[in-house]
Protein backbone atom coordinates (compact mmCIF):
# COMPACT_ATOMS: atom_id res chain seq x y z
CA MET A 1 38.84 -109.57 45.77
CA ASN A 2 39.13 -108.92 49.92
CA THR A 3 36.86 -111.18 51.31
CA ASN A 4 35.20 -108.41 53.72
CA LEU A 5 34.66 -106.24 50.11
CA THR A 6 32.80 -109.01 48.94
CA GLN A 7 30.45 -109.48 51.26
CA LEU A 8 29.88 -105.64 51.59
CA LEU A 9 29.00 -105.90 47.80
CA ALA A 10 26.82 -109.18 48.07
CA ALA A 11 24.96 -106.99 50.75
CA ALA A 12 24.46 -103.75 48.98
CA GLN A 13 23.32 -106.29 45.77
CA LYS A 14 20.50 -108.09 47.64
CA PRO A 15 16.88 -106.97 47.02
CA GLU A 16 16.42 -107.01 50.71
CA ARG A 17 18.64 -106.03 53.48
CA ARG A 18 18.87 -106.36 57.25
CA ILE A 19 20.34 -104.21 59.62
CA ILE A 20 20.14 -103.67 62.88
CA GLY A 21 19.80 -100.29 64.19
CA LEU A 22 21.21 -99.17 67.74
CA MET A 23 20.79 -96.06 69.76
CA SER A 24 21.36 -94.19 72.86
CA GLY A 25 20.52 -91.56 73.87
CA THR A 26 21.34 -88.51 76.63
CA SER A 27 18.87 -90.26 79.03
CA LEU A 28 21.11 -92.88 79.37
CA ASP A 29 17.98 -95.55 80.38
CA GLY A 30 19.72 -97.99 77.67
CA LEU A 31 20.22 -99.41 73.81
CA ASP A 32 17.30 -99.23 71.99
CA VAL A 33 17.64 -101.82 69.21
CA ALA A 34 16.02 -102.25 66.27
CA LEU A 35 16.08 -105.02 63.28
CA CYS A 36 14.77 -104.15 59.93
CA ARG A 37 14.58 -105.15 56.50
CA PHE A 38 14.80 -102.73 54.17
CA SER A 39 13.94 -103.35 50.12
CA GLY A 40 14.39 -99.66 47.83
CA HIS A 41 16.09 -96.87 48.63
CA GLY A 42 15.63 -93.30 48.67
CA ALA A 43 12.14 -92.12 47.82
CA ALA A 44 11.47 -95.69 47.05
CA THR A 45 12.90 -97.17 50.19
CA GLN A 46 10.51 -99.62 52.24
CA VAL A 47 11.50 -100.31 56.14
CA THR A 48 9.92 -103.00 58.32
CA VAL A 49 10.60 -103.62 61.77
CA GLU A 50 10.85 -107.34 62.55
CA GLN A 51 12.46 -106.67 66.24
CA PHE A 52 12.40 -104.09 69.15
CA ALA A 53 13.73 -104.05 71.91
CA THR A 54 15.14 -101.88 74.82
CA VAL A 55 17.97 -102.86 77.50
CA PRO A 56 18.07 -100.88 80.29
CA TYR A 57 21.55 -99.80 80.99
CA SER A 58 22.66 -100.87 84.55
CA GLU A 59 23.20 -97.88 87.11
CA GLN A 60 26.68 -98.86 86.90
CA ILE A 61 26.55 -98.17 83.18
CA ARG A 62 25.25 -95.10 83.65
CA HIS A 63 27.67 -94.46 86.51
CA GLU A 64 30.83 -94.82 83.98
CA ILE A 65 29.38 -92.82 81.21
CA ARG A 66 27.94 -89.93 83.78
CA GLN A 67 32.10 -89.35 84.59
CA VAL A 68 33.00 -88.12 80.95
CA PHE A 69 29.59 -87.47 79.88
CA ALA A 70 28.96 -84.05 78.96
CA ARG A 71 32.18 -82.86 80.97
CA PRO A 72 34.31 -80.43 79.80
CA GLN A 73 37.23 -82.15 81.70
CA VAL A 74 37.54 -85.77 81.75
CA GLY A 75 39.90 -88.28 82.81
CA LEU A 76 41.80 -89.43 79.32
CA GLN A 77 42.35 -92.85 80.48
CA HIS A 78 38.69 -93.67 81.61
CA LEU A 79 37.14 -92.11 78.03
CA THR A 80 39.48 -94.15 76.23
CA LEU A 81 38.81 -97.11 78.27
CA LEU A 82 34.56 -96.92 77.98
CA HIS A 83 35.30 -96.43 73.84
CA ALA A 84 36.14 -100.38 73.80
CA TRP A 85 33.77 -101.05 76.77
CA LEU A 86 30.65 -99.56 75.22
CA GLY A 87 31.52 -101.52 71.80
CA THR A 88 31.59 -104.46 73.49
CA LEU A 89 27.96 -103.86 75.61
CA HIS A 90 26.81 -103.09 72.53
CA ALA A 91 27.74 -106.02 70.89
CA ASP A 92 26.70 -108.57 73.68
CA ILE A 93 23.46 -106.36 73.31
CA VAL A 94 22.96 -106.99 70.11
CA LEU A 95 23.61 -111.00 70.68
CA GLN A 96 21.33 -111.17 73.76
CA CYS A 97 18.69 -110.00 71.24
CA LEU A 98 19.73 -112.09 67.91
CA THR A 99 19.31 -115.36 70.43
CA GLN A 100 16.17 -114.37 72.66
CA TRP A 101 14.63 -113.45 68.25
CA GLN A 102 16.22 -116.57 67.40
CA ILE A 103 18.28 -114.56 64.38
CA THR A 104 21.41 -115.64 63.74
CA PRO A 105 24.27 -113.07 63.15
CA ALA A 106 24.60 -114.61 59.89
CA GLU A 107 21.48 -113.93 59.19
CA VAL A 108 22.01 -110.27 59.20
CA ASP A 109 23.59 -108.14 56.61
CA ALA A 110 24.64 -105.21 58.61
CA ILE A 111 24.60 -103.01 62.16
CA ALA A 112 24.40 -99.27 62.42
CA SER A 113 25.50 -98.52 65.54
CA HIS A 114 24.76 -94.44 67.06
CA GLY A 115 26.96 -94.86 69.69
CA GLN A 116 26.40 -93.09 73.23
CA THR A 117 27.23 -89.40 72.79
CA VAL A 118 29.24 -88.14 75.53
CA PHE A 119 30.20 -84.32 74.42
CA HIS A 120 28.34 -82.07 71.28
CA ALA A 121 30.32 -78.58 70.93
CA PRO A 122 29.08 -76.46 67.78
CA GLN A 123 30.77 -73.70 67.28
CA HIS A 124 28.25 -71.39 67.95
CA GLN A 125 28.36 -73.01 71.41
CA HIS A 126 32.31 -73.48 72.69
CA GLY A 127 32.73 -70.46 70.67
CA LEU A 128 35.95 -70.84 70.54
CA ALA A 129 37.68 -68.98 67.45
CA GLY A 130 39.27 -71.06 64.49
CA TRP A 131 38.16 -74.56 66.42
CA PRO A 132 35.54 -76.20 63.92
CA ASN A 133 32.03 -78.17 64.98
CA ALA A 134 32.37 -81.19 66.44
CA THR A 135 30.59 -84.01 68.79
CA LEU A 136 32.02 -87.47 70.39
CA GLN A 137 29.97 -90.46 70.52
CA LEU A 138 32.00 -93.85 72.61
CA GLY A 139 31.36 -97.23 71.49
CA ASP A 140 34.21 -98.66 69.12
CA ALA A 141 32.40 -100.06 65.97
CA ASP A 142 35.69 -101.97 65.84
CA HIS A 143 34.74 -103.79 69.09
CA ILE A 144 31.01 -104.60 67.43
CA ALA A 145 31.91 -106.32 64.66
CA VAL A 146 34.83 -107.92 65.61
CA ARG A 147 32.24 -109.32 68.94
CA THR A 148 29.34 -110.03 65.87
CA GLY A 149 30.69 -110.79 63.38
CA ILE A 150 28.48 -108.32 61.46
CA LEU A 151 29.74 -105.58 59.11
CA THR A 152 29.39 -102.23 61.43
CA LEU A 153 28.36 -98.85 59.79
CA SER A 154 29.27 -96.17 62.47
CA ASP A 155 29.52 -92.71 63.55
CA PHE A 156 27.22 -90.80 61.26
CA ARG A 157 27.58 -87.40 62.80
CA GLN A 158 31.10 -87.14 61.76
CA LYS A 159 30.64 -86.49 58.17
CA HIS A 160 28.07 -84.36 58.69
CA VAL A 161 30.35 -82.12 60.93
CA ALA A 162 33.34 -82.25 58.09
CA ALA A 163 30.81 -81.70 55.46
CA GLY A 164 29.68 -78.44 57.18
CA GLY A 165 27.15 -79.33 58.84
CA GLN A 166 26.71 -79.35 63.11
CA GLY A 167 26.58 -82.47 63.69
CA ALA A 168 23.17 -82.52 64.80
CA PRO A 169 19.94 -83.55 64.54
CA LEU A 170 20.34 -86.04 61.83
CA ALA A 171 16.43 -87.06 61.76
CA VAL A 172 15.67 -84.71 58.59
CA TYR A 173 17.49 -87.80 56.63
CA GLY A 174 15.52 -90.92 57.32
CA ASP A 175 12.64 -88.90 57.96
CA TYR A 176 12.20 -87.87 54.52
CA LEU A 177 12.59 -90.41 53.03
CA VAL A 178 10.04 -92.86 54.92
CA PHE A 179 8.02 -90.62 57.12
CA SER A 180 6.84 -88.12 53.64
CA GLN A 181 3.39 -87.76 52.72
CA SER A 182 1.51 -85.84 49.78
CA GLY A 183 -0.47 -83.27 50.89
CA GLU A 184 0.20 -82.66 54.52
CA ASP A 185 3.10 -80.44 56.01
CA ARG A 186 4.33 -83.46 59.34
CA LEU A 187 6.11 -82.40 61.90
CA LEU A 188 8.14 -85.84 63.26
CA LEU A 189 8.88 -83.94 66.53
CA ASN A 190 11.59 -86.18 69.03
CA LEU A 191 11.24 -85.41 72.74
CA GLY A 192 14.55 -87.21 73.62
CA GLY A 193 17.22 -85.82 76.40
CA ILE A 194 17.11 -82.78 73.52
CA ALA A 195 14.07 -82.20 71.60
CA ASN A 196 13.79 -81.48 67.82
CA PHE A 197 12.00 -81.61 65.08
CA THR A 198 11.67 -82.41 61.44
CA TYR A 199 9.01 -80.62 58.79
CA LEU A 200 8.11 -82.33 56.02
CA ALA A 201 5.74 -80.50 53.49
CA ALA A 202 3.25 -81.25 51.72
CA SER A 203 4.12 -80.63 48.28
CA LEU A 204 6.94 -83.48 49.51
CA ASP A 205 9.89 -81.17 47.97
CA ALA A 206 13.37 -81.61 49.54
CA THR A 207 14.11 -78.29 48.78
CA GLU A 208 11.22 -76.88 52.15
CA VAL A 209 12.75 -80.05 54.97
CA PHE A 210 14.80 -79.29 57.77
CA SER A 211 15.39 -80.39 60.93
CA THR A 212 16.25 -78.60 64.17
CA ASP A 213 16.79 -78.61 67.73
CA THR A 214 14.80 -77.15 69.79
CA GLY A 215 16.54 -76.59 73.74
CA PRO A 216 16.33 -79.79 76.57
CA GLY A 217 13.33 -82.56 76.02
CA ASN A 218 13.72 -84.74 79.31
CA THR A 219 17.47 -84.22 80.47
CA LEU A 220 16.65 -81.42 83.03
CA LEU A 221 13.56 -82.85 83.84
CA ASP A 222 15.46 -86.35 84.65
CA ALA A 223 18.98 -84.77 85.86
CA PHE A 224 16.43 -83.17 88.76
CA VAL A 225 14.22 -86.49 89.29
CA ARG A 226 17.28 -88.31 89.89
CA GLU A 227 18.47 -85.24 92.77
CA LEU A 228 15.17 -84.61 94.27
CA TYR A 229 13.96 -88.45 94.70
CA PRO A 230 16.13 -90.60 95.00
CA GLY A 231 15.93 -94.04 93.75
CA ARG A 232 14.30 -92.49 90.46
CA GLN A 233 15.16 -92.04 86.99
CA TYR A 234 12.85 -89.64 85.51
CA ASP A 235 9.23 -88.44 86.54
CA GLU A 236 6.83 -91.25 84.93
CA ASN A 237 4.05 -90.13 83.30
CA GLY A 238 4.75 -86.73 84.68
CA ALA A 239 3.08 -87.48 88.24
CA LEU A 240 5.31 -85.47 89.87
CA ALA A 241 5.00 -82.42 87.58
CA ALA A 242 1.55 -82.32 87.69
CA GLN A 243 1.66 -81.69 91.19
CA GLY A 244 3.45 -78.32 91.07
CA THR A 245 2.91 -75.22 89.59
CA VAL A 246 4.63 -73.68 87.30
CA HIS A 247 7.18 -70.39 88.07
CA SER A 248 6.58 -67.83 85.56
CA GLY A 249 9.60 -65.97 86.31
CA LEU A 250 12.00 -68.83 86.30
CA LEU A 251 10.31 -70.04 83.15
CA ALA A 252 10.91 -66.98 81.11
CA GLU A 253 14.55 -66.58 82.99
CA LEU A 254 15.59 -70.00 81.65
CA LEU A 255 14.25 -68.61 78.25
CA ALA A 256 16.60 -66.18 78.00
CA HIS A 257 18.90 -67.70 76.18
CA PRO A 258 20.73 -66.73 73.32
CA PHE A 259 20.03 -70.61 71.81
CA PHE A 260 16.42 -69.14 71.64
CA ALA A 261 16.70 -66.46 69.46
CA ALA A 262 19.77 -68.51 67.32
CA ALA A 263 18.31 -68.60 63.96
CA ILE A 264 16.89 -71.94 62.77
CA PRO A 265 18.26 -74.62 62.10
CA LYS A 266 20.58 -74.97 65.63
CA THR A 267 21.96 -77.58 67.79
CA THR A 268 22.42 -78.07 71.26
CA GLY A 269 23.48 -80.81 74.08
CA PRO A 270 23.35 -81.31 77.71
CA GLU A 271 26.51 -79.36 77.47
CA LEU A 272 24.36 -76.71 77.88
CA PHE A 273 20.96 -77.47 79.18
CA ASN A 274 22.49 -79.11 82.47
CA PRO A 275 21.73 -78.20 86.42
CA ALA A 276 24.10 -75.96 86.02
CA TYR A 277 22.20 -73.26 83.74
CA VAL A 278 19.09 -74.28 86.00
CA ARG A 279 20.80 -73.09 89.37
CA ALA A 280 21.65 -70.32 87.41
CA ALA A 281 18.68 -69.21 86.41
CA GLN A 282 17.13 -70.19 89.40
CA GLN A 283 19.59 -67.62 91.49
CA ARG A 284 19.16 -64.43 89.51
CA THR A 285 15.68 -65.28 89.87
CA GLY A 286 15.43 -65.97 93.71
CA THR A 287 13.68 -69.10 93.33
CA GLU A 288 16.47 -70.99 95.01
CA GLN A 289 14.14 -72.85 97.50
CA LEU A 290 11.58 -73.99 94.85
CA PRO A 291 9.45 -76.57 96.44
CA ALA A 292 10.62 -79.78 93.94
CA PRO A 293 7.62 -80.53 92.39
CA ASP A 294 6.79 -76.26 90.95
CA LEU A 295 10.38 -76.86 89.89
CA LEU A 296 9.52 -79.75 87.57
CA ALA A 297 6.27 -78.17 86.28
CA THR A 298 8.53 -75.19 85.41
CA LEU A 299 11.35 -77.28 83.75
CA THR A 300 8.52 -79.83 81.81
CA ALA A 301 6.89 -75.80 80.44
CA PHE A 302 10.16 -74.89 79.64
CA SER A 303 10.42 -78.22 77.20
CA ALA A 304 7.51 -77.72 75.64
CA ALA A 305 8.07 -73.85 75.53
CA GLY A 306 11.37 -74.35 73.52
CA VAL A 307 9.44 -76.50 70.99
CA GLY A 308 6.43 -74.34 70.69
CA GLN A 309 9.01 -71.06 70.21
CA ALA A 310 10.65 -73.41 67.53
CA VAL A 311 7.73 -73.91 65.25
CA ARG A 312 6.62 -70.02 65.53
CA GLN A 313 9.66 -68.74 64.70
CA SER A 314 9.83 -71.19 61.41
CA PHE A 315 6.31 -70.33 60.73
CA GLY A 316 4.28 -68.12 61.90
CA SER A 317 1.60 -69.02 65.65
CA GLN A 318 -0.86 -69.91 63.19
CA ARG A 319 0.42 -72.32 60.47
CA PRO A 320 -1.51 -75.71 60.75
CA PHE A 321 0.63 -79.40 61.35
CA VAL A 322 0.10 -83.21 62.33
CA VAL A 323 2.61 -83.14 65.10
CA TYR A 324 4.36 -86.83 65.30
CA ALA A 325 5.57 -87.88 68.50
CA SER A 326 8.23 -90.08 69.39
CA GLY A 327 11.22 -90.49 71.98
CA GLY A 328 10.58 -90.12 76.34
CA GLY A 329 8.83 -87.37 76.51
CA MET A 330 6.09 -88.87 73.85
CA HIS A 331 5.26 -90.96 77.37
CA ASN A 332 4.35 -88.00 79.55
CA PRO A 333 1.12 -87.11 79.62
CA THR A 334 2.28 -83.32 81.55
CA LEU A 335 5.20 -83.26 79.27
CA MET A 336 2.40 -83.78 75.83
CA ALA A 337 -0.68 -81.65 77.46
CA ALA A 338 1.98 -78.61 77.94
CA LEU A 339 2.73 -79.54 74.20
CA GLU A 340 -0.73 -78.75 73.31
CA ARG A 341 -0.92 -75.53 74.60
CA GLU A 342 2.06 -74.30 73.43
CA LEU A 343 0.39 -75.47 69.50
CA PRO A 344 -2.91 -75.25 70.29
CA GLN A 345 -2.86 -74.79 66.32
CA CYS A 346 -1.91 -78.73 65.20
CA GLN A 347 -2.77 -81.49 65.26
CA PHE A 348 -0.70 -84.22 68.40
CA SER A 349 -0.36 -88.33 67.04
CA THR A 350 2.58 -90.67 67.47
CA THR A 351 4.65 -92.43 64.63
CA ALA A 352 2.60 -95.28 65.80
CA ALA A 353 0.22 -93.87 63.07
CA LEU A 354 2.78 -93.96 60.53
CA GLY A 355 3.77 -97.76 61.56
CA ILE A 356 6.81 -96.83 63.33
CA ALA A 357 7.06 -97.63 66.99
CA PRO A 358 7.63 -93.89 68.85
CA ASP A 359 10.27 -95.49 70.64
CA ALA A 360 11.50 -97.81 68.00
CA LYS A 361 12.05 -94.86 65.83
CA GLU A 362 15.36 -93.11 66.50
CA ALA A 363 17.27 -96.67 66.25
CA VAL A 364 15.07 -97.30 62.37
CA LEU A 365 16.46 -93.97 61.75
CA PHE A 366 19.92 -94.92 61.93
CA ALA A 367 19.29 -98.17 60.51
CA ILE A 368 18.30 -96.08 57.21
CA LEU A 369 21.01 -94.25 57.37
CA ALA A 370 22.97 -97.64 56.91
CA ASN A 371 20.98 -98.77 54.36
CA GLU A 372 21.98 -95.59 52.48
CA THR A 373 25.14 -95.64 52.65
CA LEU A 374 24.84 -99.61 51.57
CA VAL A 375 22.79 -98.73 48.62
CA GLY A 376 21.77 -95.24 47.99
CA GLU A 377 23.08 -92.59 46.77
CA ALA A 378 24.00 -88.59 48.81
CA ARG A 379 21.21 -86.58 48.66
CA PRO A 380 20.42 -82.31 49.50
CA ILE A 381 17.95 -82.03 51.56
CA GLY A 382 17.14 -78.42 52.37
CA HIS A 383 17.96 -75.02 50.84
CA GLY A 384 20.51 -72.23 52.01
CA ALA A 385 21.29 -71.82 55.69
CA GLN A 386 18.76 -74.67 56.01
CA ALA A 387 20.90 -77.17 53.48
CA VAL A 388 21.64 -80.48 55.14
CA PRO A 389 25.34 -82.07 53.00
CA ALA A 390 24.73 -84.33 50.17
CA VAL A 391 27.08 -87.05 51.71
CA THR A 392 26.89 -90.89 52.70
CA LEU A 393 27.05 -91.05 56.66
CA GLY A 394 28.86 -94.18 58.52
CA LYS A 395 32.38 -95.40 58.60
CA ILE A 396 32.36 -98.99 57.50
CA SER A 397 34.33 -101.68 60.10
CA PHE A 398 34.78 -104.97 58.82
CA PRO A 399 34.11 -107.74 61.26
CA GLY A 400 37.56 -109.36 60.13
């Protein structure tokens, strides 16, 4: 048998596996690296996060990504080079982390690389008849596998699209397997560049589970902080927005997009919710000269309102949940306070209460997907329009 296949089979047959999950979100703040130890699969999955680090992106890295990020037209040469360049970069970051953790590559069974999303194009958003849902992540997994010497799984979103899904959000798979709890209705809320939540039923019934994007999380806030406050990358602790006042007219205009009334589940990205979207809304409401703190306060309220509207659309206005937050927005007290006002019937916590550090959660979720691909079975989640395709996710790149 081919040596690579022999090693793959050996990893799948181990009682425990070490898998590194890699995640870089639309905020472009850096690469999350989570070293996880797994036993079991499916409902019997047990995961321990042994090590975690976020390695910040330099301004140069952000600049190179932004040349193609959420842009309808890009330089093909730069896009092609960036795919290989990011793969090499992510591989070097993994090796750097392993050195710091005093772990050799031979002690790791697999890497689960989400890649860097640069364009997300669900059909409802691009609106082109005859063209499918599509999504694109950069960071070539063959470069990661060869450079690290570790089996690498990547392109998790492609199978979801190929099987009829929209490619996002994918958190529902890992959320259901690891975070469900009998007797407690839960919302797992991820406040990344785009916000999304997974509903986990107290009954543990997989047919009731679903995940949906709700609109912008941090993407608009971060973009306008960079523009209005040169040298800053984000609104630390929500302090800038806390100085402002929400403009109700602009907020209403921002929420008028058909996305917010569309059936759940739904998906979106910075391709729609970008600075141009906000400026167009400002022109329609005559708020082009809105003071910077007021604009940030309004954008913070916009992110919270998107979450609140999606929850009410799904469950009505009275149903109580325990909401476990993760993602960068969880560190923004102004945003979290706005969410609590939007959902007063809910109790808010973080995934730390469930044993997974909130900043590590997304990277861990992709490690869970890799574990399922190696040793698990495809399983349906949800039903009807909310059904998630019963597929295994992730393409396999061998190190040799």
